[in-house]
Structure formats: C-alpha cells, structure tokens
Amino acid sequence: QVQLVESGGGLVQPGGSLRLSCAASGIVFRRYGMDWYRQAPGKRREMVASITNGGTINYADSVKGRFTISRDNTKNTVYLQMNSLKLEDTAVYYCHGQRPPFGDDYWGQGTQVIVSS
C-alpha cells in the first residue's frame, strides 16, 4: 500500500518559517519525482515546488527565494522549507509523487499551513 504522509504544518506569523515533511512508503522513492502543491480556500490547487528523481528543481514564481524543496532518498522523504511566510501562503499543502514520465502518481492527505498575525 502506497502512502504519502505529510507533517509539519501549523500556525505561523507572517515572516516566520515552517518545514514540511512528506514520508513515502510502498514505492521505490528514488525513482519518483516529488512535488508540493497547495490549495487555498476557493482557489485551484497549484504546484509550489518540484524535484525530479535526478534532483532537478523548479519553483512557482510566488515562492522563489523563500521556499526550498529537498529530498532524502535514504529516508524516503521530501521536504519543503518555507521561510518569510506571507498571508497568501495560507493553504493546505499536499505532497505528490509520480514516476516519470507519466507513470503512477500518488497524493498525500495534506497538511494545513496558516499564516496569520
């Protein structure tokens, strides 16, 4: 059974930081591209950051310079370090994994991030 389990969400003040983690099981993690998506209330789900199985990284323009995605294949975990958080970063953050180029894909259950003063 494949599981992607996110953790690390919470309530933080503007300018603060959070580190999200996504632990994967049931897949050969190193073969998968991993992404973080987010969905704010009333908005479409959007890609925040991605890291391929080869380590190529991309970010949404809205988070460049503030968020950092990384992965540890020895721990089957992908991370999202979020710094300088803004009110508009408030959303449910989802972990997504897909075997390239268009293979099986999986989603986590999401973790809530609330940025509020």
N, C-alpha and C. Protein backbone atom coordinates (compact mmCIF):
# COMPACT_ATOMS: atom_id res chain seq x y z
N GLN A 1 0.84 -1.19 0.00
CA GLN A 1 0.00 0.00 0.00
C GLN A 1 0.88 1.25 0.00
N VAL A 2 0.60 2.14 -0.94
CA VAL A 2 1.37 3.37 -1.05
C VAL A 2 0.81 4.41 -0.10
N GLN A 3 1.70 5.06 0.61
CA GLN A 3 1.31 6.15 1.49
C GLN A 3 2.28 7.30 1.36
N LEU A 4 1.73 8.50 1.28
CA LEU A 4 2.50 9.73 1.40
C LEU A 4 1.92 10.48 2.60
N VAL A 5 2.73 10.69 3.61
CA VAL A 5 2.23 11.27 4.85
C VAL A 5 2.97 12.58 5.12
N GLU A 6 2.20 13.67 5.04
CA GLU A 6 2.77 15.00 5.30
C GLU A 6 2.73 15.32 6.79
N SER A 7 3.65 16.16 7.20
CA SER A 7 3.67 16.67 8.56
C SER A 7 4.38 18.01 8.57
N GLY A 8 4.21 18.73 9.66
CA GLY A 8 4.94 19.98 9.83
C GLY A 8 4.12 21.24 9.64
N GLY A 9 2.86 21.10 9.25
CA GLY A 9 2.03 22.28 9.11
C GLY A 9 1.68 22.89 10.45
N GLY A 10 1.08 24.07 10.39
CA GLY A 10 0.67 24.72 11.62
C GLY A 10 0.38 26.17 11.41
N LEU A 11 0.31 26.89 12.52
CA LEU A 11 0.03 28.32 12.53
C LEU A 11 1.34 29.07 12.75
N VAL A 12 1.56 30.07 11.90
CA VAL A 12 2.80 30.83 12.00
C VAL A 12 2.50 32.28 11.67
N GLN A 13 3.26 33.18 12.23
CA GLN A 13 3.09 34.60 11.94
C GLN A 13 3.77 34.96 10.62
N PRO A 14 3.31 36.02 9.99
CA PRO A 14 4.00 36.49 8.78
C PRO A 14 5.48 36.72 9.04
N GLY A 15 6.29 36.29 8.08
CA GLY A 15 7.74 36.37 8.24
C GLY A 15 8.35 35.16 8.88
N GLY A 16 7.54 34.28 9.40
CA GLY A 16 8.04 33.09 10.07
C GLY A 16 8.39 31.97 9.10
N SER A 17 8.75 30.84 9.68
CA SER A 17 9.19 29.69 8.89
C SER A 17 8.50 28.42 9.36
N LEU A 18 8.36 27.50 8.42
CA LEU A 18 7.90 26.15 8.71
C LEU A 18 8.65 25.19 7.80
N ARG A 19 8.78 23.97 8.25
CA ARG A 19 9.37 22.92 7.44
C ARG A 19 8.38 21.77 7.32
N LEU A 20 7.94 21.52 6.12
CA LEU A 20 7.04 20.41 5.86
C LEU A 20 7.85 19.18 5.48
N SER A 21 7.35 18.03 5.88
CA SER A 21 7.95 16.76 5.51
C SER A 21 6.90 15.86 4.89
N CYS A 22 7.32 15.02 3.99
CA CYS A 22 6.43 14.03 3.38
C CYS A 22 7.19 12.71 3.34
N ALA A 23 6.72 11.78 4.12
CA ALA A 23 7.34 10.46 4.19
C ALA A 23 6.59 9.49 3.30
N ALA A 24 7.30 8.84 2.41
CA ALA A 24 6.69 7.92 1.45
C ALA A 24 6.97 6.48 1.83
N SER A 25 5.99 5.63 1.58
CA SER A 25 6.17 4.20 1.77
C SER A 25 5.41 3.48 0.67
N GLY A 26 5.87 2.27 0.35
CA GLY A 26 5.18 1.48 -0.67
C GLY A 26 5.61 1.77 -2.09
N ILE A 27 6.57 2.66 -2.26
CA ILE A 27 7.11 2.96 -3.59
C ILE A 27 8.63 2.92 -3.54
N VAL A 28 9.23 2.79 -4.71
CA VAL A 28 10.69 2.92 -4.80
C VAL A 28 10.97 4.41 -4.93
N PHE A 29 11.12 5.04 -3.80
CA PHE A 29 11.10 6.50 -3.70
C PHE A 29 12.08 7.16 -4.67
N ARG A 30 13.27 6.63 -4.79
CA ARG A 30 14.30 7.30 -5.59
C ARG A 30 13.91 7.38 -7.07
N ARG A 31 12.95 6.59 -7.49
CA ARG A 31 12.53 6.59 -8.89
C ARG A 31 11.44 7.63 -9.18
N TYR A 32 10.94 8.27 -8.15
CA TYR A 32 9.80 9.16 -8.29
C TYR A 32 10.20 10.63 -8.26
N GLY A 33 9.57 11.41 -9.14
CA GLY A 33 9.59 12.85 -8.99
C GLY A 33 8.62 13.22 -7.89
N MET A 34 8.99 14.20 -7.08
CA MET A 34 8.16 14.59 -5.95
C MET A 34 7.84 16.08 -6.05
N ASP A 35 6.63 16.41 -5.66
CA ASP A 35 6.17 17.80 -5.75
C ASP A 35 5.44 18.19 -4.48
N TRP A 36 5.40 19.49 -4.25
CA TRP A 36 4.50 20.06 -3.27
C TRP A 36 3.50 20.94 -4.01
N TYR A 37 2.24 20.73 -3.70
CA TYR A 37 1.15 21.55 -4.20
C TYR A 37 0.48 22.22 -3.00
N ARG A 38 -0.31 23.23 -3.29
CA ARG A 38 -1.12 23.83 -2.25
C ARG A 38 -2.46 24.27 -2.82
N GLN A 39 -3.42 24.32 -1.92
CA GLN A 39 -4.76 24.76 -2.31
C GLN A 39 -5.32 25.65 -1.22
N ALA A 40 -5.53 26.89 -1.59
CA ALA A 40 -6.13 27.85 -0.68
C ALA A 40 -7.65 27.81 -0.83
N PRO A 41 -8.38 28.25 0.17
CA PRO A 41 -9.84 28.22 0.10
C PRO A 41 -10.35 28.96 -1.13
N GLY A 42 -11.19 28.30 -1.90
CA GLY A 42 -11.79 28.93 -3.07
C GLY A 42 -10.87 29.03 -4.27
N LYS A 43 -9.69 28.43 -4.18
CA LYS A 43 -8.74 28.53 -5.28
C LYS A 43 -8.38 27.14 -5.79
N ARG A 44 -7.82 27.12 -6.99
CA ARG A 44 -7.38 25.86 -7.57
C ARG A 44 -6.07 25.39 -6.92
N ARG A 45 -5.89 24.10 -6.94
CA ARG A 45 -4.63 23.56 -6.45
C ARG A 45 -3.51 23.98 -7.39
N GLU A 46 -2.39 24.41 -6.84
CA GLU A 46 -1.27 24.87 -7.65
C GLU A 46 0.03 24.22 -7.19
N MET A 47 0.93 24.02 -8.15
CA MET A 47 2.22 23.46 -7.85
C MET A 47 3.08 24.53 -7.21
N VAL A 48 3.74 24.16 -6.13
CA VAL A 48 4.60 25.08 -5.40
C VAL A 48 6.06 24.82 -5.72
N ALA A 49 6.45 23.55 -5.68
CA ALA A 49 7.85 23.19 -5.90
C ALA A 49 7.91 21.73 -6.34
N SER A 50 8.91 21.44 -7.16
CA SER A 50 9.07 20.07 -7.63
C SER A 50 10.55 19.71 -7.64
N ILE A 51 10.80 18.42 -7.44
CA ILE A 51 12.16 17.90 -7.53
C ILE A 51 12.09 16.55 -8.23
N THR A 52 12.84 16.43 -9.31
CA THR A 52 12.80 15.18 -10.08
C THR A 52 13.62 14.10 -9.39
N ASN A 53 13.52 12.90 -9.92
CA ASN A 53 14.33 11.82 -9.35
C ASN A 53 15.81 12.06 -9.58
N GLY A 54 16.13 12.92 -10.52
CA GLY A 54 17.52 13.28 -10.77
C GLY A 54 17.97 14.52 -10.02
N GLY A 55 17.04 15.15 -9.30
CA GLY A 55 17.41 16.29 -8.48
C GLY A 55 17.16 17.66 -9.10
N THR A 56 16.56 17.69 -10.29
CA THR A 56 16.23 18.98 -10.89
C THR A 56 15.05 19.61 -10.15
N ILE A 57 15.19 20.89 -9.85
CA ILE A 57 14.23 21.59 -9.00
C ILE A 57 13.57 22.73 -9.76
N ASN A 58 12.29 22.90 -9.50
CA ASN A 58 11.54 24.04 -10.02
C ASN A 58 10.63 24.60 -8.94
N TYR A 59 10.39 25.91 -9.04
CA TYR A 59 9.53 26.58 -8.08
C TYR A 59 8.51 27.44 -8.80
N ALA A 60 7.36 27.59 -8.17
CA ALA A 60 6.43 28.60 -8.63
C ALA A 60 7.04 29.98 -8.38
N ASP A 61 6.73 30.92 -9.25
CA ASP A 61 7.31 32.26 -9.11
C ASP A 61 6.97 32.87 -7.76
N SER A 62 5.82 32.55 -7.23
CA SER A 62 5.36 33.16 -5.99
C SER A 62 6.18 32.75 -4.77
N VAL A 63 6.95 31.67 -4.88
CA VAL A 63 7.71 31.20 -3.72
C VAL A 63 9.21 31.20 -3.95
N LYS A 64 9.65 31.56 -5.14
CA LYS A 64 11.09 31.58 -5.42
C LYS A 64 11.82 32.49 -4.45
N GLY A 65 12.94 31.97 -3.95
CA GLY A 65 13.73 32.73 -3.00
C GLY A 65 13.27 32.60 -1.56
N ARG A 66 12.09 32.00 -1.36
CA ARG A 66 11.57 31.85 0.02
C ARG A 66 11.43 30.38 0.42
N PHE A 67 11.08 29.53 -0.53
CA PHE A 67 10.87 28.11 -0.26
C PHE A 67 12.02 27.29 -0.86
N THR A 68 12.33 26.19 -0.19
CA THR A 68 13.36 25.28 -0.67
C THR A 68 12.85 23.84 -0.58
N ILE A 69 12.86 23.15 -1.70
CA ILE A 69 12.48 21.74 -1.71
C ILE A 69 13.76 20.90 -1.70
N SER A 70 13.69 19.79 -1.00
CA SER A 70 14.82 18.87 -0.97
C SER A 70 14.29 17.46 -0.73
N ARG A 71 15.14 16.50 -0.97
CA ARG A 71 14.73 15.11 -0.75
C ARG A 71 15.88 14.32 -0.16
N ASP A 72 15.53 13.33 0.62
CA ASP A 72 16.50 12.42 1.21
C ASP A 72 16.05 11.00 0.83
N ASN A 73 16.70 10.44 -0.17
CA ASN A 73 16.29 9.13 -0.66
C ASN A 73 16.58 8.02 0.36
N THR A 74 17.47 8.28 1.30
CA THR A 74 17.74 7.26 2.33
C THR A 74 16.61 7.20 3.35
N LYS A 75 15.84 8.28 3.43
CA LYS A 75 14.72 8.34 4.38
C LYS A 75 13.37 8.32 3.67
N ASN A 76 13.39 8.21 2.34
CA ASN A 76 12.14 8.23 1.57
C ASN A 76 11.28 9.44 1.91
N THR A 77 11.93 10.58 2.01
CA THR A 77 11.25 11.79 2.48
C THR A 77 11.60 12.98 1.60
N VAL A 78 10.59 13.79 1.34
CA VAL A 78 10.79 15.06 0.66
C VAL A 78 10.39 16.17 1.62
N TYR A 79 11.10 17.28 1.55
CA TYR A 79 10.90 18.38 2.48
C TYR A 79 10.56 19.66 1.72
N LEU A 80 9.90 20.55 2.42
CA LEU A 80 9.68 21.89 1.91
C LEU A 80 9.97 22.87 3.04
N GLN A 81 11.09 23.55 2.93
CA GLN A 81 11.45 24.59 3.89
C GLN A 81 10.82 25.90 3.42
N MET A 82 10.00 26.48 4.26
CA MET A 82 9.28 27.69 3.90
C MET A 82 9.70 28.81 4.81
N ASN A 83 10.32 29.82 4.25
CA ASN A 83 10.79 30.99 5.01
C ASN A 83 10.04 32.23 4.55
N SER A 84 10.12 33.26 5.34
CA SER A 84 9.50 34.55 5.01
C SER A 84 8.04 34.35 4.59
N LEU A 85 7.32 33.61 5.39
CA LEU A 85 5.94 33.27 5.03
C LEU A 85 5.06 34.50 4.99
N LYS A 86 4.14 34.48 4.04
CA LYS A 86 3.20 35.57 3.83
C LYS A 86 1.78 35.08 4.07
N LEU A 87 0.89 36.04 4.28
CA LEU A 87 -0.51 35.69 4.49
C LEU A 87 -1.04 34.82 3.35
N GLU A 88 -0.61 35.14 2.15
CA GLU A 88 -1.11 34.42 0.97
C GLU A 88 -0.55 33.02 0.82
N ASP A 89 0.35 32.63 1.70
CA ASP A 89 0.84 31.25 1.69
C ASP A 89 -0.10 30.31 2.45
N THR A 90 -1.10 30.88 3.09
CA THR A 90 -2.07 30.06 3.80
C THR A 90 -2.79 29.11 2.84
N ALA A 91 -2.73 27.82 3.13
CA ALA A 91 -3.32 26.82 2.25
C ALA A 91 -3.13 25.44 2.88
N VAL A 92 -3.78 24.47 2.28
CA VAL A 92 -3.46 23.08 2.57
C VAL A 92 -2.37 22.67 1.60
N TYR A 93 -1.31 22.12 2.13
CA TYR A 93 -0.16 21.72 1.32
C TYR A 93 -0.18 20.20 1.13
N TYR A 94 -0.04 19.79 -0.12
CA TYR A 94 -0.11 18.39 -0.47
C TYR A 94 1.21 17.91 -1.08
N CYS A 95 1.57 16.74 -0.71
CA CYS A 95 2.71 16.05 -1.30
C CYS A 95 2.21 15.19 -2.45
N HIS A 96 2.97 15.17 -3.54
CA HIS A 96 2.60 14.40 -4.72
C HIS A 96 3.83 13.70 -5.26
N GLY A 97 3.66 12.45 -5.64
CA GLY A 97 4.76 11.73 -6.23
C GLY A 97 4.33 11.06 -7.52
N GLN A 98 5.18 11.12 -8.52
CA GLN A 98 4.87 10.48 -9.80
C GLN A 98 6.13 9.87 -10.39
N ARG A 99 5.97 8.65 -10.88
CA ARG A 99 7.09 8.01 -11.56
C ARG A 99 7.13 8.51 -12.99
N PRO A 100 8.26 9.08 -13.39
CA PRO A 100 8.34 9.64 -14.75
C PRO A 100 8.37 8.55 -15.80
N PRO A 101 7.93 8.87 -17.07
CA PRO A 101 7.49 10.22 -17.42
C PRO A 101 6.03 10.49 -17.07
N PHE A 102 5.17 9.51 -17.15
CA PHE A 102 3.76 9.73 -16.83
C PHE A 102 3.19 8.48 -16.15
N GLY A 103 3.96 7.96 -15.18
CA GLY A 103 3.56 6.74 -14.51
C GLY A 103 2.60 6.97 -13.37
N ASP A 104 2.49 5.97 -12.52
CA ASP A 104 1.60 6.05 -11.37
C ASP A 104 1.91 7.30 -10.56
N ASP A 105 0.85 7.91 -10.05
CA ASP A 105 1.06 9.05 -9.18
C ASP A 105 0.21 8.93 -7.93
N TYR A 106 0.67 9.56 -6.87
CA TYR A 106 0.05 9.44 -5.56
C TYR A 106 0.03 10.79 -4.85
N TRP A 107 -0.97 10.95 -4.00
CA TRP A 107 -1.13 12.19 -3.23
C TRP A 107 -1.17 11.88 -1.73
N GLY A 108 -0.64 12.80 -0.97
CA GLY A 108 -0.81 12.73 0.47
C GLY A 108 -2.14 13.32 0.87
N GLN A 109 -2.40 13.30 2.16
CA GLN A 109 -3.69 13.77 2.66
C GLN A 109 -3.72 15.27 2.91
N GLY A 110 -2.57 15.90 2.90
CA GLY A 110 -2.48 17.34 3.08
C GLY A 110 -2.17 17.74 4.50
N THR A 111 -1.52 18.87 4.62
CA THR A 111 -1.24 19.46 5.93
C THR A 111 -1.54 20.95 5.85
N GLN A 112 -2.22 21.46 6.85
CA GLN A 112 -2.68 22.85 6.84
C GLN A 112 -1.57 23.79 7.30
N VAL A 113 -1.39 24.84 6.52
CA VAL A 113 -0.49 25.93 6.90
C VAL A 113 -1.32 27.20 6.98
N ILE A 114 -1.27 27.84 8.12
CA ILE A 114 -1.99 29.10 8.32
C ILE A 114 -0.99 30.17 8.71
N VAL A 115 -0.95 31.21 7.90
CA VAL A 115 -0.07 32.35 8.20
C VAL A 115 -0.98 33.49 8.64
N SER A 116 -0.83 33.87 9.89
CA SER A 116 -1.73 34.87 10.45
C SER A 116 -1.04 35.61 11.59
N SER A 117 -1.37 36.89 11.71
CA SER A 117 -0.85 37.67 12.82
C SER A 117 -1.84 37.67 13.97
